[in-house]
Amino acid sequence: MLSFLWLRNIQEDKAVAKTGDADKGVIIGEGTLKVHNEKGLGVAADLFGLSAAS
C-alpha cells in the first residue's frame, strides 16, 4: 500500500570538521512515502469517547 522513494540518495560529507581524533560529518538524504492504495489506509480515532472539550 505504501513504498519509500528516494528523492536524493544518501550522501556522506566527511569534510565538515576534525577535532582531535574525531571526524565530524553530515549525512544527507531525502525521501518520501508513495501511496499506492489510498483506501487501504485508515485512522483509529476517538477510541475512548473523549472529545476536544474533555
C-alpha atoms as a PDB file:
ATOM      1  CA  MET A   1       0.000   0.000   0.000  1.00  0.00           C
ATOM      2  CA  LEU A   2       2.974   2.283   0.673  1.00  0.00           C
ATOM      3  CA  SER A   3       6.506   2.438  -0.609  1.00  0.00           C
ATOM      4  CA  PHE A   4       9.506   4.581   0.211  1.00  0.00           C
ATOM      5  CA  LEU A   5      11.073   6.552  -2.630  1.00  0.00           C
ATOM      6  CA  TRP A   6      14.419   8.307  -2.553  1.00  0.00           C
ATOM      7  CA  LEU A   7      14.322  11.897  -3.792  1.00  0.00           C
ATOM      8  CA  ARG A   8      18.039  12.301  -3.137  1.00  0.00           C
ATOM      9  CA  ASN A   9      20.157   9.282  -2.208  1.00  0.00           C
ATOM     10  CA  ILE A  10      22.221   9.318   0.974  1.00  0.00           C
ATOM     11  CA  GLN A  11      25.478  11.208   0.607  1.00  0.00           C
ATOM     12  CA  GLU A  12      28.139  11.352   3.281  1.00  0.00           C
ATOM     13  CA  ASP A  13      30.193  14.509   3.643  1.00  0.00           C
ATOM     14  CA  LYS A  14      33.162  13.972   5.965  1.00  0.00           C
ATOM     15  CA  ALA A  15      34.798  17.345   5.340  1.00  0.00           C
ATOM     16  CA  VAL A  16      32.800  19.238   7.993  1.00  0.00           C
ATOM     17  CA  ALA A  17      35.326  19.381  10.861  1.00  0.00           C
ATOM     18  CA  LYS A  18      38.086  17.492  12.644  1.00  0.00           C
ATOM     19  CA  THR A  19      38.599  17.702  16.399  1.00  0.00           C
ATOM     20  CA  GLY A  20      41.472  15.617  17.737  1.00  0.00           C
ATOM     21  CA  ASP A  21      40.904  12.029  16.622  1.00  0.00           C
ATOM     22  CA  ALA A  22      37.178  12.585  15.909  1.00  0.00           C
ATOM     23  CA  ASP A  23      35.882  13.214  12.411  1.00  0.00           C
ATOM     24  CA  LYS A  24      32.637  15.179  12.328  1.00  0.00           C
ATOM     25  CA  GLY A  25      30.442  14.714   9.288  1.00  0.00           C
ATOM     26  CA  VAL A  26      26.980  15.095   7.842  1.00  0.00           C
ATOM     27  CA  ILE A  27      24.735  12.505   6.227  1.00  0.00           C
ATOM     28  CA  ILE A  28      22.228  13.992   3.793  1.00  0.00           C
ATOM     29  CA  GLY A  29      19.307  12.219   2.134  1.00  0.00           C
ATOM     30  CA  GLU A  30      15.705  12.941   1.220  1.00  0.00           C
ATOM     31  CA  GLY A  31      12.834  10.528   0.843  1.00  0.00           C
ATOM     32  CA  THR A  32       9.072  10.370   0.691  1.00  0.00           C
ATOM     33  CA  LEU A  33       6.222   7.892   1.040  1.00  0.00           C
ATOM     34  CA  LYS A  34       4.269   6.988  -2.091  1.00  0.00           C
ATOM     35  CA  VAL A  35       0.678   5.858  -1.542  1.00  0.00           C
ATOM     36  CA  HIS A  36      -0.360   3.065  -3.911  1.00  0.00           C
ATOM     37  CA  ASN A  37      -3.793   2.316  -2.413  1.00  0.00           C
ATOM     38  CA  GLU A  38      -5.393   5.211  -0.532  1.00  0.00           C
ATOM     39  CA  LYS A  39      -8.375   3.101   0.579  1.00  0.00           C
ATOM     40  CA  GLY A  40      -6.037   0.700   2.362  1.00  0.00           C
ATOM     41  CA  LEU A  41      -5.033   3.349   4.925  1.00  0.00           C
ATOM     42  CA  GLY A  42      -7.150   4.299   7.911  1.00  0.00           C
ATOM     43  CA  VAL A  43      -7.223   6.106  11.246  1.00  0.00           C
ATOM     44  CA  ALA A  44      -8.412   4.841  14.645  1.00  0.00           C
ATOM     45  CA  ALA A  45      -9.777   7.961  16.334  1.00  0.00           C
ATOM     46  CA  ASP A  46     -11.826   8.744  19.469  1.00  0.00           C
ATOM     47  CA  LEU A  47     -11.432   5.231  20.876  1.00  0.00           C
ATOM     48  CA  PHE A  48     -12.183   6.301  24.456  1.00  0.00           C
ATOM     49  CA  GLY A  49     -15.174   8.565  23.747  1.00  0.00           C
ATOM     50  CA  LEU A  50     -13.221  11.703  24.597  1.00  0.00           C
ATOM     51  CA  SER A  51     -13.976  14.974  22.934  1.00  0.00           C
ATOM     52  CA  ALA A  52     -11.845  18.074  22.468  1.00  0.00           C
ATOM     53  CA  ALA A  53     -13.568  19.682  25.482  1.00  0.00           C
ATOM     54  CA  SER A  54     -12.616  16.943  27.996  1.00  0.00           C
END
